[in-house]
Amino acid sequence: MQRWKDKEEIKRKLTLPKKYGPMCLKILHEFISYHKLPHDIPVPDSSLSTEEALSRIFDIMLYSIGEEKRNEVLDDVSNYSMSLPAFFTI
């Protein structure tokens, strides 16, 4: 995996307009296609809240890394969440 050493290495970055939904969906569909994920995987739509849409995006990302790694990440996230002060948790 490529890591950037500093901001100077980023030649081109994404700048989202105020109405960023269509651009995000295009990028998400490209991600799905690149990783050869099922095309019927649930993607965000305009009826979802921001929180629900982000959950779907992260579900797609987690799906792309395989079941074993996905479960490892979800365990890590759960442990991290439990370590946060109460006002940061759900």
Foldseek 3Di string as FASTA:
>chain_A
DDDDPDPVPPPDDDDADPPRVVVVVVVLQVVCVVLVHDPPQDADDPVDDPVVRVVSSVVSVLVSVDDVVSVVVVVVVVVVLVPDDPVPHD
